[in-house]
């Protein structure tokens, strides 16, 4: 059966707890003023980015299956995360 490569995207959201100190430190790190939403988005990105990137680097990271539909190994490639 012919296989096809399709670019899939999803949206991810979560609650990020910040305070004025964290916001100030994030602004210093980014060298710019940030809104609370931008600060939260950058924190989520900083948390997820190394984990997502490891999927591209380590072949054994993608294990498991979707019930009886398919195995994930070798089926998901080229992960990209963006916070913009």
PDB file of N, CA and C in Angstrom:
ATOM      1  N   UNK A   1       0.838  -1.167   0.000  1.00  0.00           N
ATOM      2  CA  UNK A   1       0.000   0.000   0.000  1.00  0.00           C
ATOM      3  C   UNK A   1       0.894   1.245   0.000  1.00  0.00           C
ATOM      4  N   UNK A   2       0.569   2.215  -0.833  1.00  0.00           N
ATOM      5  CA  UNK A   2       1.367   3.439  -0.945  1.00  0.00           C
ATOM      6  C   UNK A   2       1.262   4.273   0.332  1.00  0.00           C
ATOM      7  N   UNK A   3       2.412   4.722   0.837  1.00  0.00           N
ATOM      8  CA  UNK A   3       2.436   5.590   2.011  1.00  0.00           C
ATOM      9  C   UNK A   3       2.600   7.038   1.577  1.00  0.00           C
ATOM     10  N   UNK A   4       2.010   7.949   2.335  1.00  0.00           N
ATOM     11  CA  UNK A   4       2.082   9.372   2.048  1.00  0.00           C
ATOM     12  C   UNK A   4       2.584  10.100   3.289  1.00  0.00           C
ATOM     13  N   UNK A   5       3.325  11.170   3.079  1.00  0.00           N
ATOM     14  CA  UNK A   5       3.773  12.015   4.184  1.00  0.00           C
ATOM     15  C   UNK A   5       2.911  13.269   4.204  1.00  0.00           C
ATOM     16  N   UNK A   6       2.246  13.495   5.316  1.00  0.00           N
ATOM     17  CA  UNK A   6       1.338  14.627   5.483  1.00  0.00           C
ATOM     18  C   UNK A   6       1.836  15.479   6.651  1.00  0.00           C
ATOM     19  N   UNK A   7       1.893  16.793   6.474  1.00  0.00           N
ATOM     20  CA  UNK A   7       2.265  17.700   7.566  1.00  0.00           C
ATOM     21  C   UNK A   7       1.038  17.885   8.460  1.00  0.00           C
ATOM     22  N   UNK A   8       1.140  17.477   9.717  1.00  0.00           N
ATOM     23  CA  UNK A   8       0.039  17.586  10.673  1.00  0.00           C
ATOM     24  C   UNK A   8       0.367  18.651  11.714  1.00  0.00           C
ATOM     25  N   UNK A   9      -0.617  19.432  12.085  1.00  0.00           N
ATOM     26  CA  UNK A   9      -0.433  20.437  13.128  1.00  0.00           C
ATOM     27  C   UNK A   9      -1.554  20.322  14.159  1.00  0.00           C
ATOM     28  N   UNK A  10      -1.233  20.662  15.396  1.00  0.00           N
ATOM     29  CA  UNK A  10      -2.226  20.735  16.462  1.00  0.00           C
ATOM     30  C   UNK A  10      -1.951  21.982  17.287  1.00  0.00           C
ATOM     31  N   UNK A  11      -2.924  22.418  18.026  1.00  0.00           N
ATOM     32  CA  UNK A  11      -2.739  23.513  18.983  1.00  0.00           C
ATOM     33  C   UNK A  11      -2.666  22.913  20.373  1.00  0.00           C
ATOM     34  N   UNK A  12      -1.801  23.447  21.185  1.00  0.00           N
ATOM     35  CA  UNK A  12      -1.622  22.975  22.552  1.00  0.00           C
ATOM     36  C   UNK A  12      -1.755  24.167  23.486  1.00  0.00           C
ATOM     37  N   UNK A  13      -2.480  23.991  24.549  1.00  0.00           N
ATOM     38  CA  UNK A  13      -2.566  25.059  25.542  1.00  0.00           C
ATOM     39  C   UNK A  13      -2.457  24.460  26.931  1.00  0.00           C
ATOM     40  N   UNK A  14      -2.005  25.266  27.868  1.00  0.00           N
ATOM     41  CA  UNK A  14      -1.974  24.866  29.272  1.00  0.00           C
ATOM     42  C   UNK A  14      -1.968  26.126  30.120  1.00  0.00           C
ATOM     43  N   UNK A  15      -2.277  25.964  31.381  1.00  0.00           N
ATOM     44  CA  UNK A  15      -2.207  27.077  32.320  1.00  0.00           C
ATOM     45  C   UNK A  15      -0.767  27.203  32.810  1.00  0.00           C
ATOM     46  N   UNK A  16      -0.216  28.398  32.726  1.00  0.00           N
ATOM     47  CA  UNK A  16       1.142  28.673  33.194  1.00  0.00           C
ATOM     48  C   UNK A  16       1.037  29.686  34.334  1.00  0.00           C
ATOM     49  N   UNK A  17       1.578  29.349  35.459  1.00  0.00           N
ATOM     50  CA  UNK A  17       1.528  30.229  36.625  1.00  0.00           C
ATOM     51  C   UNK A  17       2.782  31.094  36.642  1.00  0.00           C
ATOM     52  N   UNK A  18       2.576  32.409  36.591  1.00  0.00           N
ATOM     53  CA  UNK A  18       3.699  33.349  36.612  1.00  0.00           C
ATOM     54  C   UNK A  18       3.506  34.335  37.763  1.00  0.00           C
ATOM     55  N   UNK A  19       4.562  35.061  38.070  1.00  0.00           N
ATOM     56  CA  UNK A  19       4.488  36.177  39.017  1.00  0.00           C
ATOM     57  C   UNK A  19       5.381  37.285  38.472  1.00  0.00           C
ATOM     58  N   UNK A  20       5.417  38.401  39.172  1.00  0.00           N
ATOM     59  CA  UNK A  20       6.188  39.546  38.675  1.00  0.00           C
ATOM     60  C   UNK A  20       7.681  39.250  38.565  1.00  0.00           C
ATOM     61  N   UNK A  21       8.221  38.461  39.483  1.00  0.00           N
ATOM     62  CA  UNK A  21       9.644  38.123  39.423  1.00  0.00           C
ATOM     63  C   UNK A  21       9.942  37.277  38.184  1.00  0.00           C
ATOM     64  N   UNK A  22       9.130  36.267  37.947  1.00  0.00           N
ATOM     65  CA  UNK A  22       9.330  35.414  36.766  1.00  0.00           C
ATOM     66  C   UNK A  22       9.213  36.243  35.494  1.00  0.00           C
ATOM     67  N   UNK A  23       8.209  37.114  35.437  1.00  0.00           N
ATOM     68  CA  UNK A  23       8.042  37.969  34.261  1.00  0.00           C
ATOM     69  C   UNK A  23       9.271  38.850  34.061  1.00  0.00           C
ATOM     70  N   UNK A  24       9.779  39.429  35.133  1.00  0.00           N
ATOM     71  CA  UNK A  24      10.969  40.279  35.051  1.00  0.00           C
ATOM     72  C   UNK A  24      12.185  39.492  34.564  1.00  0.00           C
ATOM     73  N   UNK A  25      12.362  38.290  35.075  1.00  0.00           N
ATOM     74  CA  UNK A  25      13.487  37.448  34.643  1.00  0.00           C
ATOM     75  C   UNK A  25      13.343  37.052  33.175  1.00  0.00           C
ATOM     76  N   UNK A  26      12.124  36.763  32.740  1.00  0.00           N
ATOM     77  CA  UNK A  26      11.887  36.425  31.327  1.00  0.00           C
ATOM     78  C   UNK A  26      12.187  37.625  30.443  1.00  0.00           C
ATOM     79  N   UNK A  27      11.780  38.803  30.876  1.00  0.00           N
ATOM     80  CA  UNK A  27      12.066  40.016  30.110  1.00  0.00           C
ATOM     81  C   UNK A  27      13.569  40.253  30.008  1.00  0.00           C
ATOM     82  N   UNK A  28      14.292  40.006  31.084  1.00  0.00           N
ATOM     83  CA  UNK A  28      15.754  40.140  31.047  1.00  0.00           C
ATOM     84  C   UNK A  28      16.363  39.135  30.083  1.00  0.00           C
ATOM     85  N   UNK A  29      15.868  37.917  30.118  1.00  0.00           N
ATOM     86  CA  UNK A  29      16.367  36.863  29.220  1.00  0.00           C
ATOM     87  C   UNK A  29      16.114  37.217  27.758  1.00  0.00           C
ATOM     88  N   UNK A  30      14.952  37.804  27.484  1.00  0.00           N
ATOM     89  CA  UNK A  30      14.563  38.124  26.104  1.00  0.00           C
ATOM     90  C   UNK A  30      14.976  39.531  25.684  1.00  0.00           C
ATOM     91  N   UNK A  31      15.476  40.317  26.612  1.00  0.00           N
ATOM     92  CA  UNK A  31      15.874  41.708  26.347  1.00  0.00           C
ATOM     93  C   UNK A  31      14.736  42.529  25.748  1.00  0.00           C
ATOM     94  N   UNK A  32      13.520  42.280  26.237  1.00  0.00           N
ATOM     95  CA  UNK A  32      12.376  43.059  25.769  1.00  0.00           C
ATOM     96  C   UNK A  32      11.250  42.982  26.792  1.00  0.00           C
ATOM     97  N   UNK A  33      10.348  43.942  26.685  1.00  0.00           N
ATOM     98  CA  UNK A  33       9.173  43.959  27.544  1.00  0.00           C
ATOM     99  C   UNK A  33       8.188  42.902  27.047  1.00  0.00           C
ATOM    100  N   UNK A  34       7.573  42.167  27.965  1.00  0.00           N
ATOM    101  CA  UNK A  34       6.650  41.094  27.599  1.00  0.00           C
ATOM    102  C   UNK A  34       5.321  41.269  28.319  1.00  0.00           C
ATOM    103  N   UNK A  35       4.251  40.917  27.641  1.00  0.00           N
ATOM    104  CA  UNK A  35       2.953  40.845  28.310  1.00  0.00           C
ATOM    105  C   UNK A  35       2.918  39.560  29.135  1.00  0.00           C
ATOM    106  N   UNK A  36       1.931  39.441  29.990  1.00  0.00           N
ATOM    107  CA  UNK A  36       1.782  38.199  30.750  1.00  0.00           C
ATOM    108  C   UNK A  36       1.616  37.004  29.814  1.00  0.00           C
ATOM    109  N   UNK A  37       0.831  37.182  28.744  1.00  0.00           N
ATOM    110  CA  UNK A  37       0.594  36.099  27.789  1.00  0.00           C
ATOM    111  C   UNK A  37       1.882  35.699  27.071  1.00  0.00           C
ATOM    112  N   UNK A  38       2.679  36.683  26.664  1.00  0.00           N
ATOM    113  CA  UNK A  38       3.960  36.385  26.012  1.00  0.00           C
ATOM    114  C   UNK A  38       4.896  35.658  26.970  1.00  0.00           C
ATOM    115  N   UNK A  39       4.910  36.098  28.215  1.00  0.00           N
ATOM    116  CA  UNK A  39       5.747  35.443  29.223  1.00  0.00           C
ATOM    117  C   UNK A  39       5.340  33.989  29.387  1.00  0.00           C
ATOM    118  N   UNK A  40       4.047  33.748  29.526  1.00  0.00           N
ATOM    119  CA  UNK A  40       3.547  32.378  29.688  1.00  0.00           C
ATOM    120  C   UNK A  40       3.876  31.528  28.468  1.00  0.00           C
ATOM    121  N   UNK A  41       3.707  32.089  27.269  1.00  0.00           N
ATOM    122  CA  UNK A  41       4.005  31.356  26.033  1.00  0.00           C
ATOM    123  C   UNK A  41       5.490  30.992  25.959  1.00  0.00           C
ATOM    124  N   UNK A  42       6.355  31.911  26.345  1.00  0.00           N
ATOM    125  CA  UNK A  42       7.795  31.635  26.316  1.00  0.00           C
ATOM    126  C   UNK A  42       8.188  30.582  27.349  1.00  0.00           C
ATOM    127  N   UNK A  43       7.538  30.583  28.505  1.00  0.00           N
ATOM    128  CA  UNK A  43       7.804  29.551  29.511  1.00  0.00           C
ATOM    129  C   UNK A  43       7.377  28.186  28.986  1.00  0.00           C
ATOM    130  N   UNK A  44       6.195  28.112  28.392  1.00  0.00           N
ATOM    131  CA  UNK A  44       5.726  26.838  27.826  1.00  0.00           C
ATOM    132  C   UNK A  44       6.672  26.361  26.727  1.00  0.00           C
ATOM    133  N   UNK A  45       7.111  27.278  25.867  1.00  0.00           N
ATOM    134  CA  UNK A  45       8.053  26.922  24.807  1.00  0.00           C
ATOM    135  C   UNK A  45       9.368  26.413  25.389  1.00  0.00           C
ATOM    136  N   UNK A  46       9.889  27.115  26.402  1.00  0.00           N
ATOM    137  CA  UNK A  46      11.156  26.706  27.019  1.00  0.00           C
ATOM    138  C   UNK A  46      11.043  25.317  27.644  1.00  0.00           C
ATOM    139  N   UNK A  47       9.874  24.985  28.142  1.00  0.00           N
ATOM    140  CA  UNK A  47       9.645  23.662  28.721  1.00  0.00           C
ATOM    141  C   UNK A  47       9.547  22.585  27.638  1.00  0.00           C
ATOM    142  N   UNK A  48       8.790  22.857  26.582  1.00  0.00           N
ATOM    143  CA  UNK A  48       8.520  21.835  25.568  1.00  0.00           C
ATOM    144  C   UNK A  48       9.631  21.669  24.536  1.00  0.00           C
ATOM    145  N   UNK A  49      10.313  22.738  24.179  1.00  0.00           N
ATOM    146  CA  UNK A  49      11.261  22.684  23.071  1.00  0.00           C
ATOM    147  C   UNK A  49      12.296  21.567  23.182  1.00  0.00           C
ATOM    148  N   UNK A  50      13.005  21.415  24.302  1.00  0.00           N
ATOM    149  CA  UNK A  50      14.000  20.328  24.343  1.00  0.00           C
ATOM    150  C   UNK A  50      13.362  18.941  24.262  1.00  0.00           C
ATOM    151  N   UNK A  51      12.154  18.819  24.771  1.00  0.00           N
ATOM    152  CA  UNK A  51      11.473  17.522  24.713  1.00  0.00           C
ATOM    153  C   UNK A  51      11.066  17.188  23.279  1.00  0.00           C
ATOM    154  N   UNK A  52      10.510  18.173  22.580  1.00  0.00           N
ATOM    155  CA  UNK A  52      10.098  17.965  21.190  1.00  0.00           C
ATOM    156  C   UNK A  52      11.321  17.698  20.319  1.00  0.00           C
ATOM    157  N   UNK A  53      12.379  18.470  20.510  1.00  0.00           N
ATOM    158  CA  UNK A  53      13.600  18.275  19.727  1.00  0.00           C
ATOM    159  C   UNK A  53      14.185  16.883  19.937  1.00  0.00           C
ATOM    160  N   UNK A  54      14.043  16.322  21.137  1.00  0.00           N
ATOM    161  CA  UNK A  54      14.590  14.986  21.390  1.00  0.00           C
ATOM    162  C   UNK A  54      13.883  13.927  20.547  1.00  0.00           C
ATOM    163  N   UNK A  55      12.639  14.177  20.154  1.00  0.00           N
ATOM    164  CA  UNK A  55      11.945  13.230  19.272  1.00  0.00           C
ATOM    165  C   UNK A  55      12.661  13.122  17.932  1.00  0.00           C
ATOM    166  N   UNK A  56      13.248  14.216  17.461  1.00  0.00           N
ATOM    167  CA  UNK A  56      13.967  14.209  16.188  1.00  0.00           C
ATOM    168  C   UNK A  56      15.339  13.560  16.308  1.00  0.00           C
ATOM    169  N   UNK A  57      15.881  13.485  17.521  1.00  0.00           N
ATOM    170  CA  UNK A  57      17.247  13.008  17.716  1.00  0.00           C
ATOM    171  C   UNK A  57      17.343  11.563  18.179  1.00  0.00           C
ATOM    172  N   UNK A  58      16.368  11.101  18.929  1.00  0.00           N
ATOM    173  CA  UNK A  58      16.453   9.771  19.524  1.00  0.00           C
ATOM    174  C   UNK A  58      15.382   8.859  18.937  1.00  0.00           C
ATOM    175  N   UNK A  59      15.823   7.855  18.209  1.00  0.00           N
ATOM    176  CA  UNK A  59      14.907   6.967  17.501  1.00  0.00           C
ATOM    177  C   UNK A  59      13.981   6.196  18.432  1.00  0.00           C
ATOM    178  N   UNK A  60      14.429   5.909  19.649  1.00  0.00           N
ATOM    179  CA  UNK A  60      13.619   5.095  20.553  1.00  0.00           C
ATOM    180  C   UNK A  60      12.632   5.916  21.387  1.00  0.00           C
ATOM    181  N   UNK A  61      12.540   7.229  21.143  1.00  0.00           N
ATOM    182  CA  UNK A  61      11.604   8.074  21.891  1.00  0.00           C
ATOM    183  C   UNK A  61      10.153   7.833  21.484  1.00  0.00           C
ATOM    184  N   UNK A  62       9.938   7.441  20.243  1.00  0.00           N
ATOM    185  CA  UNK A  62       8.576   7.296  19.732  1.00  0.00           C
ATOM    186  C   UNK A  62       8.132   5.846  19.808  1.00  0.00           C
ATOM    187  N   UNK A  63       7.628   5.482  20.950  1.00  0.00           N
ATOM    188  CA  UNK A  63       7.117   4.135  21.131  1.00  0.00           C
ATOM    189  C   UNK A  63       5.631   4.219  21.422  1.00  0.00           C
ATOM    190  N   UNK A  64       4.973   3.117  21.285  1.00  0.00           N
ATOM    191  CA  UNK A  64       3.550   3.063  21.582  1.00  0.00           C
ATOM    192  C   UNK A  64       2.731   2.872  20.331  1.00  0.00           C
ATOM    193  N   UNK A  65       1.450   2.893  20.533  1.00  0.00           N
ATOM    194  CA  UNK A  65       0.540   2.702  19.404  1.00  0.00           C
ATOM    195  C   UNK A  65      -0.796   3.351  19.708  1.00  0.00           C
ATOM    196  N   UNK A  66      -1.574   3.546  18.661  1.00  0.00           N
ATOM    197  CA  UNK A  66      -2.938   4.032  18.802  1.00  0.00           C
ATOM    198  C   UNK A  66      -3.841   2.823  18.685  1.00  0.00           C
ATOM    199  N   UNK A  67      -4.225   2.274  19.805  1.00  0.00           N
ATOM    200  CA  UNK A  67      -5.066   1.078  19.887  1.00  0.00           C
ATOM    201  C   UNK A  67      -4.679   0.075  18.800  1.00  0.00           C
ATOM    202  N   UNK A  68      -5.582  -0.258  17.912  1.00  0.00           N
ATOM    203  CA  UNK A  68      -5.290  -1.220  16.839  1.00  0.00           C
ATOM    204  C   UNK A  68      -5.040  -0.527  15.503  1.00  0.00           C
ATOM    205  N   UNK A  69      -4.892   0.805  15.519  1.00  0.00           N
ATOM    206  CA  UNK A  69      -4.750   1.560  14.271  1.00  0.00           C
ATOM    207  C   UNK A  69      -3.336   1.481  13.718  1.00  0.00           C
ATOM    208  N   UNK A  70      -2.327   1.848  14.533  1.00  0.00           N
ATOM    209  CA  UNK A  70      -0.949   1.835  14.039  1.00  0.00           C
ATOM    210  C   UNK A  70       0.033   1.966  15.192  1.00  0.00           C
ATOM    211  N   UNK A  71       1.273   1.538  14.938  1.00  0.00           N
ATOM    212  CA  UNK A  71       2.392   1.806  15.841  1.00  0.00           C
ATOM    213  C   UNK A  71       2.928   3.191  15.500  1.00  0.00           C
ATOM    214  N   UNK A  72       3.461   3.887  16.505  1.00  0.00           N
ATOM    215  CA  UNK A  72       4.005   5.222  16.275  1.00  0.00           C
ATOM    216  C   UNK A  72       5.434   5.199  15.744  1.00  0.00           C
ATOM    217  N   UNK A  73       6.193   4.158  16.043  1.00  0.00           N
ATOM    218  CA  UNK A  73       7.606   4.095  15.649  1.00  0.00           C
ATOM    219  C   UNK A  73       7.741   4.189  14.126  1.00  0.00           C
ATOM    220  N   UNK A  74       8.559   5.140  13.680  1.00  0.00           N
ATOM    221  CA  UNK A  74       8.801   5.326  12.258  1.00  0.00           C
ATOM    222  C   UNK A  74       7.684   6.053  11.526  1.00  0.00           C
ATOM    223  N   UNK A  75       6.637   6.417  12.225  1.00  0.00           N
ATOM    224  CA  UNK A  75       5.483   7.040  11.585  1.00  0.00           C
ATOM    225  C   UNK A  75       5.436   8.556  11.794  1.00  0.00           C
ATOM    226  N   UNK A  76       6.141   9.066  12.797  1.00  0.00           N
ATOM    227  CA  UNK A  76       6.140  10.497  13.117  1.00  0.00           C
ATOM    228  C   UNK A  76       7.565  11.026  13.010  1.00  0.00           C
ATOM    229  N   UNK A  77       7.776  12.052  12.187  1.00  0.00           N
ATOM    230  CA  UNK A  77       9.118  12.577  11.926  1.00  0.00           C
ATOM    231  C   UNK A  77       9.101  14.096  11.814  1.00  0.00           C
ATOM    232  N   UNK A  78      10.282  14.688  11.940  1.00  0.00           N
ATOM    233  CA  UNK A  78      10.489  16.120  11.690  1.00  0.00           C
ATOM    234  C   UNK A  78       9.601  17.012  12.548  1.00  0.00           C
ATOM    235  N   UNK A  79       9.678  16.829  13.855  1.00  0.00           N
ATOM    236  CA  UNK A  79       8.902  17.651  14.779  1.00  0.00           C
ATOM    237  C   UNK A  79       9.436  19.080  14.794  1.00  0.00           C
ATOM    238  N   UNK A  80       8.541  20.044  14.750  1.00  0.00           N
ATOM    239  CA  UNK A  80       8.896  21.464  14.802  1.00  0.00           C
ATOM    240  C   UNK A  80       7.964  22.125  15.813  1.00  0.00           C
ATOM    241  N   UNK A  81       8.531  22.918  16.705  1.00  0.00           N
ATOM    242  CA  UNK A  81       7.726  23.672  17.660  1.00  0.00           C
ATOM    243  C   UNK A  81       8.023  25.150  17.471  1.00  0.00           C
ATOM    244  N   UNK A  82       6.985  25.965  17.542  1.00  0.00           N
ATOM    245  CA  UNK A  82       7.140  27.406  17.374  1.00  0.00           C
ATOM    246  C   UNK A  82       6.272  28.120  18.397  1.00  0.00           C
ATOM    247  N   UNK A  83       6.752  29.237  18.906  1.00  0.00           N
ATOM    248  CA  UNK A  83       5.956  30.006  19.859  1.00  0.00           C
ATOM    249  C   UNK A  83       5.507  31.335  19.275  1.00  0.00           C
ATOM    250  N   UNK A  84       5.696  31.524  18.017  1.00  0.00           N
ATOM    251  CA  UNK A  84       5.288  32.782  17.366  1.00  0.00           C
ATOM    252  C   UNK A  84       3.941  32.634  16.725  1.00  0.00           C
TER     253      UNK A  84
END
